[in-house]
Every structure is written in C-alpha cells, then in structure tokens.
C-alpha cells in the first residue's frame, strides 16, 4: 500500500510539473525534468496497444511502476544521505539553533540541487533505455501455451527432438553426479587440510624442541663418541702390547738367543716382564 501511495504521489507531482511547464510557470532548473517526462510519455504511448503491453498485462507486470519504484528508492537514499550530512555537520560545527545553522542548510540544499540535477539526467537516460530496450519485446514473440493438456507449458508448435531431450536429461544426471562427487572431494580436501595443519603444528613443536635440545644432545653425542673412541684405543693398545709381548717371548725362547748375558743363577724363569721388556729394548737399540 505504501508503494502504491508513493507511486501515486510521484504521478501527481509529474502531472503538476507538466501543467506548470505548459503555463510557463516552471523554473529553469525543473525544465529538464518536464522534458524527461514528456519523452517518457511518448515512449509509453508507443507501447500502448502493442504486443509488449499485452504480454506485460498478461504477466501482471507494469514497467512504469517498476521505474517509479526505483526512482523513489533513489530519492529516499538521497534524502537520507543529505539529512545525515546536515545533522553530522551541525554537531561537529556545534552550530545548532544559530544563524550559521541556517547558512549551513542553504549550502547543503545548494549542493543537493546540483547533485539532484546530475542524478536526474542519468536516471532519465536509464529510464528511457529500459523502456525502449529492456521492456520492448521482439516482433513475433508469443506467450507460452497455458492449455492444461500441455503439461510442460511449452508451445506445441515449437520444434521437438526426443534425442536432444534425452541427451539433455543424461547430461543433467551426470552434472548432478559430478556435483555430488565434487562436494565429497571438497570435504576430503578440507579434512586433509585440517590434518595437514595439525601435523604442521606437531612438526613445528618438534623443531622447537630439537632447536632447544640440539646443543645438549650434540655434547652428549660427542662425549659418548669420545668414550667409545677411548675404549677402542685402549683395546688397540692392549692388543698391540700383547702382540709385542708375544714377539718378545718368542725372541727370548728362540734358539738363536745369546744366553751369555743372562745371569746363570736366576735364569729367565725368574725374570719379571718389565725386565724382559727392558732387555728387549736394549737389544733393539744395539
């Protein structure tokens, strides 16, 4: 009801503007508005009795009501915008209830008139365009059949190819299946992304722990390696000493050994290993 009232009020204003223009009482700044509605009336007059008007009437559509509703919405937005502008400027300048407030209102009204003039021209061009093109049906256009015997609501005179329809139905079914598969894949991808984020968090935590403990672990590894190396060196020295002792022993019990330097009372069986090593060292140095 409110929309119809606004449309009726707008039509009353348009008729007033046209009457004022005919009598010469219209101001210059409103002349464009009057010319615009004269052009619109000519367009609507051309649509009267045409196929377009019959189709719109059958569909319970009115192009002019649509245009009026859009224009009314634009006017409302413009009113609210400049009202807010005026109120906000008054508060910031702290000039409410003063002469400066009246001066500000005059300035805002002047700016609005300029904006309204440009906007009216653009909206007038838009209205003329959609009335001439968007709401103008091509010649030969016919409404779909409303016969109850035609359940599909299509024109019986239109070409019909069952093979093409079967292919279209098959493609629709395939499209539905592909849509379901795509939805499942998207769910799987989202699940993998969540798992990846969790795993990435674990990896980051492990890296932080590794960076914190890397120096300590490296030192422990060096100590362990040094211990193992010491043990191996000790084993190697022991084996070398044993081999040396065996070679010395073989040398002592060899038949080629000169026993003249050995004390006859003590003999070799009474000698200590250190004495034997010293003896071998003396023999090697000779």
C-alpha atoms as a PDB file:
ATOM      1  CA  UNK A   1       0.000   0.000   0.000  1.00  0.00           C
ATOM      2  CA  UNK A   2       2.837   2.382   0.841  1.00  0.00           C
ATOM      3  CA  UNK A   3       4.480   1.674  -2.530  1.00  0.00           C
ATOM      4  CA  UNK A   4       1.260   2.448  -4.392  1.00  0.00           C
ATOM      5  CA  UNK A   5       0.829   5.674  -2.411  1.00  0.00           C
ATOM      6  CA  UNK A   6       4.356   6.769  -3.300  1.00  0.00           C
ATOM      7  CA  UNK A   7       3.800   5.943  -6.954  1.00  0.00           C
ATOM      8  CA  UNK A   8       0.547   7.920  -6.959  1.00  0.00           C
ATOM      9  CA  UNK A   9       2.240  10.866  -5.252  1.00  0.00           C
ATOM     10  CA  UNK A  10       5.001  10.791  -7.839  1.00  0.00           C
ATOM     11  CA  UNK A  11       2.487  10.746 -10.699  1.00  0.00           C
ATOM     12  CA  UNK A  12       0.710  13.721  -9.110  1.00  0.00           C
ATOM     13  CA  UNK A  13       3.999  15.610  -8.993  1.00  0.00           C
ATOM     14  CA  UNK A  14       4.738  14.799 -12.615  1.00  0.00           C
ATOM     15  CA  UNK A  15       1.345  15.996 -13.737  1.00  0.00           C
ATOM     16  CA  UNK A  16       1.863  19.211 -11.781  1.00  0.00           C
ATOM     17  CA  UNK A  17       5.235  19.757 -13.458  1.00  0.00           C
ATOM     18  CA  UNK A  18       3.740  19.248 -16.902  1.00  0.00           C
ATOM     19  CA  UNK A  19       0.907  21.658 -16.188  1.00  0.00           C
ATOM     20  CA  UNK A  20       3.343  24.231 -14.864  1.00  0.00           C
ATOM     21  CA  UNK A  21       5.533  23.842 -17.938  1.00  0.00           C
ATOM     22  CA  UNK A  22       2.558  24.310 -20.257  1.00  0.00           C
ATOM     23  CA  UNK A  23       1.563  27.505 -18.440  1.00  0.00           C
ATOM     24  CA  UNK A  24       5.142  28.802 -18.406  1.00  0.00           C
ATOM     25  CA  UNK A  25       5.367  28.885 -14.605  1.00  0.00           C
ATOM     26  CA  UNK A  26       8.106  26.249 -14.366  1.00  0.00           C
ATOM     27  CA  UNK A  27      11.557  27.350 -13.235  1.00  0.00           C
ATOM     28  CA  UNK A  28      14.585  26.705 -15.415  1.00  0.00           C
ATOM     29  CA  UNK A  29      16.071  24.100 -13.056  1.00  0.00           C
ATOM     30  CA  UNK A  30      12.903  21.990 -13.442  1.00  0.00           C
ATOM     31  CA  UNK A  31      12.719  22.268 -17.237  1.00  0.00           C
ATOM     32  CA  UNK A  32      14.799  19.160 -17.800  1.00  0.00           C
ATOM     33  CA  UNK A  33      12.541  17.132 -15.532  1.00  0.00           C
ATOM     34  CA  UNK A  34       9.474  18.155 -17.503  1.00  0.00           C
ATOM     35  CA  UNK A  35      11.139  17.335 -20.838  1.00  0.00           C
ATOM     36  CA  UNK A  36      12.191  13.982 -19.479  1.00  0.00           C
ATOM     37  CA  UNK A  37       8.644  13.035 -18.563  1.00  0.00           C
ATOM     38  CA  UNK A  38       7.367  14.236 -21.925  1.00  0.00           C
ATOM     39  CA  UNK A  39       9.766  11.799 -23.595  1.00  0.00           C
ATOM     40  CA  UNK A  40       8.677   9.064 -21.222  1.00  0.00           C
ATOM     41  CA  UNK A  41       5.022   9.730 -22.054  1.00  0.00           C
ATOM     42  CA  UNK A  42       5.811   9.389 -25.740  1.00  0.00           C
ATOM     43  CA  UNK A  43       7.544   6.062 -25.105  1.00  0.00           C
ATOM     44  CA  UNK A  44       4.635   4.774 -23.054  1.00  0.00           C
ATOM     45  CA  UNK A  45       2.196   5.969 -25.698  1.00  0.00           C
ATOM     46  CA  UNK A  46       4.122   3.969 -28.267  1.00  0.00           C
ATOM     47  CA  UNK A  47       3.824   0.880 -26.087  1.00  0.00           C
ATOM     48  CA  UNK A  48       0.046   1.203 -25.719  1.00  0.00           C
ATOM     49  CA  UNK A  49      -1.765  -1.383 -27.788  1.00  0.00           C
ATOM     50  CA  UNK A  50       1.489  -3.121 -28.747  1.00  0.00           C
ATOM     51  CA  UNK A  51       2.415  -6.769 -28.214  1.00  0.00           C
ATOM     52  CA  UNK A  52       4.710  -5.740 -25.377  1.00  0.00           C
ATOM     53  CA  UNK A  53       1.879  -4.171 -23.421  1.00  0.00           C
ATOM     54  CA  UNK A  54      -0.345  -7.224 -23.970  1.00  0.00           C
ATOM     55  CA  UNK A  55       2.418  -9.548 -22.718  1.00  0.00           C
ATOM     56  CA  UNK A  56       3.092  -7.388 -19.654  1.00  0.00           C
ATOM     57  CA  UNK A  57      -0.612  -7.207 -18.867  1.00  0.00           C
ATOM     58  CA  UNK A  58      -0.884 -10.999 -19.155  1.00  0.00           C
ATOM     59  CA  UNK A  59       2.004 -11.385 -16.713  1.00  0.00           C
ATOM     60  CA  UNK A  60       0.603  -8.663 -14.411  1.00  0.00           C
ATOM     61  CA  UNK A  61       3.682  -6.512 -14.928  1.00  0.00           C
ATOM     62  CA  UNK A  62       3.911  -2.752 -15.256  1.00  0.00           C
ATOM     63  CA  UNK A  63       7.263  -1.375 -16.458  1.00  0.00           C
ATOM     64  CA  UNK A  64       6.432   2.172 -15.400  1.00  0.00           C
ATOM     65  CA  UNK A  65       5.606   1.109 -11.852  1.00  0.00           C
ATOM     66  CA  UNK A  66       8.975  -0.617 -11.706  1.00  0.00           C
ATOM     67  CA  UNK A  67      10.763   2.531 -12.898  1.00  0.00           C
ATOM     68  CA  UNK A  68       8.854   4.708 -10.456  1.00  0.00           C
ATOM     69  CA  UNK A  69       9.746   2.404  -7.571  1.00  0.00           C
ATOM     70  CA  UNK A  70      13.431   2.550  -8.453  1.00  0.00           C
ATOM     71  CA  UNK A  71      13.367   6.330  -8.770  1.00  0.00           C
ATOM     72  CA  UNK A  72      11.537   6.656  -5.460  1.00  0.00           C
ATOM     73  CA  UNK A  73      14.165   4.500  -3.750  1.00  0.00           C
ATOM     74  CA  UNK A  74      16.908   6.683  -5.187  1.00  0.00           C
ATOM     75  CA  UNK A  75      15.159   9.802  -3.923  1.00  0.00           C
ATOM     76  CA  UNK A  76      14.831   8.265  -0.460  1.00  0.00           C
ATOM     77  CA  UNK A  77      18.513   7.396  -0.352  1.00  0.00           C
ATOM     78  CA  UNK A  78      19.422  10.904  -1.489  1.00  0.00           C
ATOM     79  CA  UNK A  79      17.181  12.466   1.181  1.00  0.00           C
ATOM     80  CA  UNK A  80      18.659  10.301   3.928  1.00  0.00           C
ATOM     81  CA  UNK A  81      22.233  10.979   2.766  1.00  0.00           C
ATOM     82  CA  UNK A  82      21.913  14.776   2.797  1.00  0.00           C
ATOM     83  CA  UNK A  83      19.904  14.748   6.004  1.00  0.00           C
ATOM     84  CA  UNK A  84      22.657  12.779   7.685  1.00  0.00           C
ATOM     85  CA  UNK A  85      25.244  15.117   6.167  1.00  0.00           C
ATOM     86  CA  UNK A  86      23.471  18.169   7.569  1.00  0.00           C
ATOM     87  CA  UNK A  87      22.951  16.661  11.020  1.00  0.00           C
ATOM     88  CA  UNK A  88      26.536  15.415  11.296  1.00  0.00           C
ATOM     89  CA  UNK A  89      27.967  18.747  10.116  1.00  0.00           C
ATOM     90  CA  UNK A  90      25.802  20.664  12.610  1.00  0.00           C
ATOM     91  CA  UNK A  91      27.022  18.523  15.506  1.00  0.00           C
ATOM     92  CA  UNK A  92      30.669  18.783  14.543  1.00  0.00           C
ATOM     93  CA  UNK A  93      30.479  22.541  13.989  1.00  0.00           C
ATOM     94  CA  UNK A  94      28.307  22.991  17.107  1.00  0.00           C
ATOM     95  CA  UNK A  95      26.033  25.497  15.376  1.00  0.00           C
ATOM     96  CA  UNK A  96      22.604  24.039  16.110  1.00  0.00           C
ATOM     97  CA  UNK A  97      19.946  26.709  16.667  1.00  0.00           C
ATOM     98  CA  UNK A  98      22.106  29.549  15.343  1.00  0.00           C
ATOM     99  CA  UNK A  99      22.216  31.640  12.189  1.00  0.00           C
ATOM    100  CA  UNK A 100      25.153  29.610  10.983  1.00  0.00           C
ATOM    101  CA  UNK A 101      22.899  26.561  11.061  1.00  0.00           C
ATOM    102  CA  UNK A 102      20.571  28.251   8.560  1.00  0.00           C
ATOM    103  CA  UNK A 103      23.542  29.143   6.371  1.00  0.00           C
ATOM    104  CA  UNK A 104      24.716  25.531   6.509  1.00  0.00           C
ATOM    105  CA  UNK A 105      21.261  24.319   5.487  1.00  0.00           C
ATOM    106  CA  UNK A 106      21.247  26.665   2.494  1.00  0.00           C
ATOM    107  CA  UNK A 107      24.667  25.397   1.457  1.00  0.00           C
ATOM    108  CA  UNK A 108      23.603  21.747   1.804  1.00  0.00           C
ATOM    109  CA  UNK A 109      20.448  22.442  -0.214  1.00  0.00           C
ATOM    110  CA  UNK A 110      22.531  24.064  -2.946  1.00  0.00           C
ATOM    111  CA  UNK A 111      24.844  21.059  -3.136  1.00  0.00           C
ATOM    112  CA  UNK A 112      21.876  18.737  -3.203  1.00  0.00           C
ATOM    113  CA  UNK A 113      20.277  20.606  -6.083  1.00  0.00           C
ATOM    114  CA  UNK A 114      23.443  20.189  -8.121  1.00  0.00           C
ATOM    115  CA  UNK A 115      23.670  16.502  -7.290  1.00  0.00           C
ATOM    116  CA  UNK A 116      19.957  16.054  -7.953  1.00  0.00           C
ATOM    117  CA  UNK A 117      20.300  17.720 -11.363  1.00  0.00           C
ATOM    118  CA  UNK A 118      23.075  15.356 -12.485  1.00  0.00           C
ATOM    119  CA  UNK A 119      21.292  12.374 -10.998  1.00  0.00           C
ATOM    120  CA  UNK A 120      18.018  13.243 -12.726  1.00  0.00           C
ATOM    121  CA  UNK A 121      19.748  13.330 -16.097  1.00  0.00           C
ATOM    122  CA  UNK A 122      21.397   9.954 -15.578  1.00  0.00           C
ATOM    123  CA  UNK A 123      18.245   8.331 -14.219  1.00  0.00           C
ATOM    124  CA  UNK A 124      16.238   9.815 -17.076  1.00  0.00           C
ATOM    125  CA  UNK A 125      18.593   8.218 -19.603  1.00  0.00           C
ATOM    126  CA  UNK A 126      18.365   4.942 -17.694  1.00  0.00           C
ATOM    127  CA  UNK A 127      14.563   5.025 -17.639  1.00  0.00           C
ATOM    128  CA  UNK A 128      14.335   5.782 -21.359  1.00  0.00           C
ATOM    129  CA  UNK A 129      16.766   2.983 -22.139  1.00  0.00           C
ATOM    130  CA  UNK A 130      14.979   0.254 -20.205  1.00  0.00           C
ATOM    131  CA  UNK A 131      11.567   1.327 -21.518  1.00  0.00           C
ATOM    132  CA  UNK A 132      12.816   1.260 -25.110  1.00  0.00           C
ATOM    133  CA  UNK A 133      15.002  -1.847 -24.916  1.00  0.00           C
ATOM    134  CA  UNK A 134      14.569  -3.932 -21.766  1.00  0.00           C
ATOM    135  CA  UNK A 135      10.754  -3.756 -21.808  1.00  0.00           C
ATOM    136  CA  UNK A 136      10.398  -3.889 -25.579  1.00  0.00           C
ATOM    137  CA  UNK A 137       9.730  -7.399 -26.848  1.00  0.00           C
ATOM    138  CA  UNK A 138      10.874  -8.563 -30.301  1.00  0.00           C
ATOM    139  CA  UNK A 139       8.385  -8.994 -33.093  1.00  0.00           C
ATOM    140  CA  UNK A 140       6.849 -12.450 -33.293  1.00  0.00           C
ATOM    141  CA  UNK A 141       7.153 -13.106 -29.574  1.00  0.00           C
ATOM    142  CA  UNK A 142       4.330 -15.269 -28.250  1.00  0.00           C
ATOM    143  CA  UNK A 143       3.389 -16.316 -24.757  1.00  0.00           C
ATOM    144  CA  UNK A 144       3.798 -19.993 -23.755  1.00  0.00           C
ATOM    145  CA  UNK A 145       0.618 -22.012 -24.074  1.00  0.00           C
ATOM    146  CA  UNK A 146      -1.456 -22.211 -20.897  1.00  0.00           C
ATOM    147  CA  UNK A 147      -3.538 -25.172 -22.142  1.00  0.00           C
ATOM    148  CA  UNK A 148      -3.914 -27.777 -19.401  1.00  0.00           C
ATOM    149  CA  UNK A 149      -3.363 -30.563 -21.958  1.00  0.00           C
ATOM    150  CA  UNK A 150       0.178 -29.300 -22.385  1.00  0.00           C
ATOM    151  CA  UNK A 151       1.657 -30.162 -19.007  1.00  0.00           C
ATOM    152  CA  UNK A 152       5.104 -28.828 -19.837  1.00  0.00           C
ATOM    153  CA  UNK A 153       3.770 -25.346 -20.542  1.00  0.00           C
ATOM    154  CA  UNK A 154       5.670 -25.188 -23.858  1.00  0.00           C
ATOM    155  CA  UNK A 155       4.405 -24.082 -27.222  1.00  0.00           C
ATOM    156  CA  UNK A 156       3.201 -27.136 -29.138  1.00  0.00           C
ATOM    157  CA  UNK A 157       4.295 -25.565 -32.382  1.00  0.00           C
ATOM    158  CA  UNK A 158       7.904 -25.379 -31.248  1.00  0.00           C
ATOM    159  CA  UNK A 159      10.358 -27.932 -32.723  1.00  0.00           C
ATOM    160  CA  UNK A 160      10.812 -31.044 -30.583  1.00  0.00           C
ATOM    161  CA  UNK A 161      13.656 -33.556 -30.806  1.00  0.00           C
ATOM    162  CA  UNK A 162      13.415 -36.503 -28.370  1.00  0.00           C
ATOM    163  CA  UNK A 163      17.085 -37.414 -28.912  1.00  0.00           C
ATOM    164  CA  UNK A 164      18.213 -33.956 -27.869  1.00  0.00           C
ATOM    165  CA  UNK A 165      15.933 -34.046 -24.826  1.00  0.00           C
ATOM    166  CA  UNK A 166      17.313 -37.457 -23.845  1.00  0.00           C
ATOM    167  CA  UNK A 167      20.853 -36.153 -24.159  1.00  0.00           C
ATOM    168  CA  UNK A 168      19.956 -33.146 -22.050  1.00  0.00           C
ATOM    169  CA  UNK A 169      18.432 -35.367 -19.354  1.00  0.00           C
ATOM    170  CA  UNK A 170      21.541 -37.550 -19.379  1.00  0.00           C
ATOM    171  CA  UNK A 171      23.774 -34.528 -19.074  1.00  0.00           C
ATOM    172  CA  UNK A 172      21.676 -33.218 -16.188  1.00  0.00           C
ATOM    173  CA  UNK A 173      22.053 -36.522 -14.340  1.00  0.00           C
ATOM    174  CA  UNK A 174      25.789 -36.565 -14.979  1.00  0.00           C
ATOM    175  CA  UNK A 175      26.015 -32.992 -13.785  1.00  0.00           C
ATOM    176  CA  UNK A 176      24.241 -33.925 -10.557  1.00  0.00           C
ATOM    177  CA  UNK A 177      26.638 -36.865 -10.020  1.00  0.00           C
ATOM    178  CA  UNK A 178      29.636 -34.663 -10.729  1.00  0.00           C
ATOM    179  CA  UNK A 179      28.288 -32.105  -8.264  1.00  0.00           C
ATOM    180  CA  UNK A 180      27.971 -34.776  -5.560  1.00  0.00           C
ATOM    181  CA  UNK A 181      31.490 -36.074  -6.290  1.00  0.00           C
ATOM    182  CA  UNK A 182      32.799 -32.529  -6.203  1.00  0.00           C
ATOM    183  CA  UNK A 183      31.172 -31.922  -2.839  1.00  0.00           C
ATOM    184  CA  UNK A 184      32.689 -35.129  -1.442  1.00  0.00           C
ATOM    185  CA  UNK A 185      36.098 -34.177  -2.800  1.00  0.00           C
ATOM    186  CA  UNK A 186      35.805 -30.750  -1.227  1.00  0.00           C
ATOM    187  CA  UNK A 187      35.002 -32.372   2.111  1.00  0.00           C
ATOM    188  CA  UNK A 188      38.011 -34.693   1.758  1.00  0.00           C
ATOM    189  CA  UNK A 189      40.225 -31.754   0.846  1.00  0.00           C
ATOM    190  CA  UNK A 190      39.044 -29.837   3.888  1.00  0.00           C
ATOM    191  CA  UNK A 191      39.704 -32.856   6.109  1.00  0.00           C
ATOM    192  CA  UNK A 192      43.198 -33.228   4.645  1.00  0.00           C
ATOM    193  CA  UNK A 193      43.846 -29.535   5.177  1.00  0.00           C
ATOM    194  CA  UNK A 194      42.820 -29.865   8.828  1.00  0.00           C
ATOM    195  CA  UNK A 195      45.097 -32.895   9.268  1.00  0.00           C
ATOM    196  CA  UNK A 196      47.893 -31.079   7.479  1.00  0.00           C
ATOM    197  CA  UNK A 197      47.533 -28.126   9.825  1.00  0.00           C
ATOM    198  CA  UNK A 198      47.632 -30.428  12.859  1.00  0.00           C
ATOM    199  CA  UNK A 199      50.695 -32.267  11.531  1.00  0.00           C
ATOM    200  CA  UNK A 200      52.365 -28.971  10.732  1.00  0.00           C
ATOM    201  CA  UNK A 201      51.810 -27.931  14.342  1.00  0.00           C
ATOM    202  CA  UNK A 202      53.426 -31.156  15.561  1.00  0.00           C
ATOM    203  CA  UNK A 203      56.386 -30.634  13.238  1.00  0.00           C
ATOM    204  CA  UNK A 204      56.848 -27.070  14.436  1.00  0.00           C
ATOM    205  CA  UNK A 205      56.784 -28.221  18.054  1.00  0.00           C
ATOM    206  CA  UNK A 206      59.340 -30.945  17.277  1.00  0.00           C
ATOM    207  CA  UNK A 207      61.597 -28.415  15.543  1.00  0.00           C
ATOM    208  CA  UNK A 208      61.394 -26.076  18.525  1.00  0.00           C
ATOM    209  CA  UNK A 209      62.258 -28.908  20.908  1.00  0.00           C
ATOM    210  CA  UNK A 210      65.089 -30.015  18.652  1.00  0.00           C
ATOM    211  CA  UNK A 211      66.491 -26.497  18.488  1.00  0.00           C
ATOM    212  CA  UNK A 212      66.296 -26.209  22.267  1.00  0.00           C
ATOM    213  CA  UNK A 213      67.980 -29.577  22.908  1.00  0.00           C
ATOM    214  CA  UNK A 214      70.284 -29.799  19.906  1.00  0.00           C
ATOM    215  CA  UNK A 215      73.331 -28.386  21.699  1.00  0.00           C
ATOM    216  CA  UNK A 216      72.871 -30.636  24.722  1.00  0.00           C
ATOM    217  CA  UNK A 217      72.332 -33.691  22.546  1.00  0.00           C
ATOM    218  CA  UNK A 218      75.341 -32.786  20.424  1.00  0.00           C
ATOM    219  CA  UNK A 219      77.525 -32.510  23.530  1.00  0.00           C
ATOM    220  CA  UNK A 220      76.256 -35.838  24.829  1.00  0.00           C
ATOM    221  CA  UNK A 221      76.933 -37.427  21.462  1.00  0.00           C
ATOM    222  CA  UNK A 222      80.480 -36.055  21.472  1.00  0.00           C
ATOM    223  CA  UNK A 223      81.059 -37.416  24.996  1.00  0.00           C
ATOM    224  CA  UNK A 224      79.680 -40.819  24.012  1.00  0.00           C
ATOM    225  CA  UNK A 225      81.768 -40.910  20.865  1.00  0.00           C
ATOM    226  CA  UNK A 226      84.879 -39.899  22.807  1.00  0.00           C
ATOM    227  CA  UNK A 227      84.245 -42.663  25.348  1.00  0.00           C
ATOM    228  CA  UNK A 228      83.769 -45.242  22.643  1.00  0.00           C
ATOM    229  CA  UNK A 229      86.887 -43.990  20.897  1.00  0.00           C
ATOM    230  CA  UNK A 230      88.860 -44.236  24.158  1.00  0.00           C
ATOM    231  CA  UNK A 231      87.671 -47.789  24.692  1.00  0.00           C
ATOM    232  CA  UNK A 232      88.641 -48.743  21.159  1.00  0.00           C
ATOM    233  CA  UNK A 233      92.054 -47.090  21.524  1.00  0.00           C
ATOM    234  CA  UNK A 234      92.558 -48.933  24.818  1.00  0.00           C
ATOM    235  CA  UNK A 235      91.654 -52.229  23.197  1.00  0.00           C
ATOM    236  CA  UNK A 236      94.015 -51.462  20.316  1.00  0.00           C
ATOM    237  CA  UNK A 237      96.848 -50.635  22.705  1.00  0.00           C
ATOM    238  CA  UNK A 238      96.210 -53.817  24.669  1.00  0.00           C
ATOM    239  CA  UNK A 239      96.273 -55.889  21.506  1.00  0.00           C
ATOM    240  CA  UNK A 240      99.456 -54.192  20.360  1.00  0.00           C
ATOM    241  CA  UNK A 241     101.064 -54.774  23.746  1.00  0.00           C
ATOM    242  CA  UNK A 242     100.046 -58.422  23.667  1.00  0.00           C
ATOM    243  CA  UNK A 243     101.444 -58.827  20.209  1.00  0.00           C
ATOM    244  CA  UNK A 244     104.665 -57.123  21.317  1.00  0.00           C
ATOM    245  CA  UNK A 245     104.892 -59.378  24.380  1.00  0.00           C
ATOM    246  CA  UNK A 246     104.365 -62.427  22.240  1.00  0.00           C
ATOM    247  CA  UNK A 247     107.084 -61.311  19.874  1.00  0.00           C
ATOM    248  CA  UNK A 248     109.409 -60.652  22.811  1.00  0.00           C
ATOM    249  CA  UNK A 249     108.655 -64.007  24.335  1.00  0.00           C
ATOM    250  CA  UNK A 250     109.302 -65.739  21.059  1.00  0.00           C
ATOM    251  CA  UNK A 251     112.560 -63.860  20.801  1.00  0.00           C
ATOM    252  CA  UNK A 252     113.602 -64.865  24.316  1.00  0.00           C
ATOM    253  CA  UNK A 253     112.883 -68.565  23.805  1.00  0.00           C
ATOM    254  CA  UNK A 254     114.438 -68.607  20.403  1.00  0.00           C
ATOM    255  CA  UNK A 255     117.440 -70.958  19.932  1.00  0.00           C
ATOM    256  CA  UNK A 256     119.360 -68.101  18.394  1.00  0.00           C
ATOM    257  CA  UNK A 257     119.220 -66.069  21.638  1.00  0.00           C
ATOM    258  CA  UNK A 258     122.603 -65.398  23.231  1.00  0.00           C
ATOM    259  CA  UNK A 259     122.234 -66.581  26.833  1.00  0.00           C
ATOM    260  CA  UNK A 260     125.662 -65.402  27.855  1.00  0.00           C
ATOM    261  CA  UNK A 261     124.219 -62.101  29.027  1.00  0.00           C
ATOM    262  CA  UNK A 262     121.706 -63.791  31.277  1.00  0.00           C
ATOM    263  CA  UNK A 263     122.578 -64.374  34.922  1.00  0.00           C
ATOM    264  CA  UNK A 264     123.186 -68.037  35.406  1.00  0.00           C
ATOM    265  CA  UNK A 265     121.808 -68.160  38.935  1.00  0.00           C
ATOM    266  CA  UNK A 266     118.423 -66.551  38.228  1.00  0.00           C
ATOM    267  CA  UNK A 267     117.688 -67.747  34.711  1.00  0.00           C
ATOM    268  CA  UNK A 268     114.871 -66.494  32.502  1.00  0.00           C
ATOM    269  CA  UNK A 269     112.097 -68.016  34.567  1.00  0.00           C
ATOM    270  CA  UNK A 270     112.870 -65.697  37.484  1.00  0.00           C
ATOM    271  CA  UNK A 271     112.887 -62.507  35.443  1.00  0.00           C
ATOM    272  CA  UNK A 272     109.968 -60.045  35.509  1.00  0.00           C
ATOM    273  CA  UNK A 273     108.139 -58.873  32.386  1.00  0.00           C
ATOM    274  CA  UNK A 274     109.434 -55.327  32.857  1.00  0.00           C
ATOM    275  CA  UNK A 275     112.973 -56.625  32.947  1.00  0.00           C
ATOM    276  CA  UNK A 276     112.349 -58.600  29.818  1.00  0.00           C
ATOM    277  CA  UNK A 277     110.925 -55.526  28.061  1.00  0.00           C
ATOM    278  CA  UNK A 278     113.946 -53.513  29.171  1.00  0.00           C
ATOM    279  CA  UNK A 279     116.227 -56.245  27.931  1.00  0.00           C
ATOM    280  CA  UNK A 280     114.454 -56.350  24.554  1.00  0.00           C
ATOM    281  CA  UNK A 281     114.693 -52.577  24.330  1.00  0.00           C
ATOM    282  CA  UNK A 282     118.411 -52.712  24.949  1.00  0.00           C
ATOM    283  CA  UNK A 283     118.782 -55.442  22.349  1.00  0.00           C
ATOM    284  CA  UNK A 284     116.842 -53.398  19.756  1.00  0.00           C
ATOM    285  CA  UNK A 285     118.922 -50.330  20.422  1.00  0.00           C
ATOM    286  CA  UNK A 286     122.152 -52.209  19.760  1.00  0.00           C
END
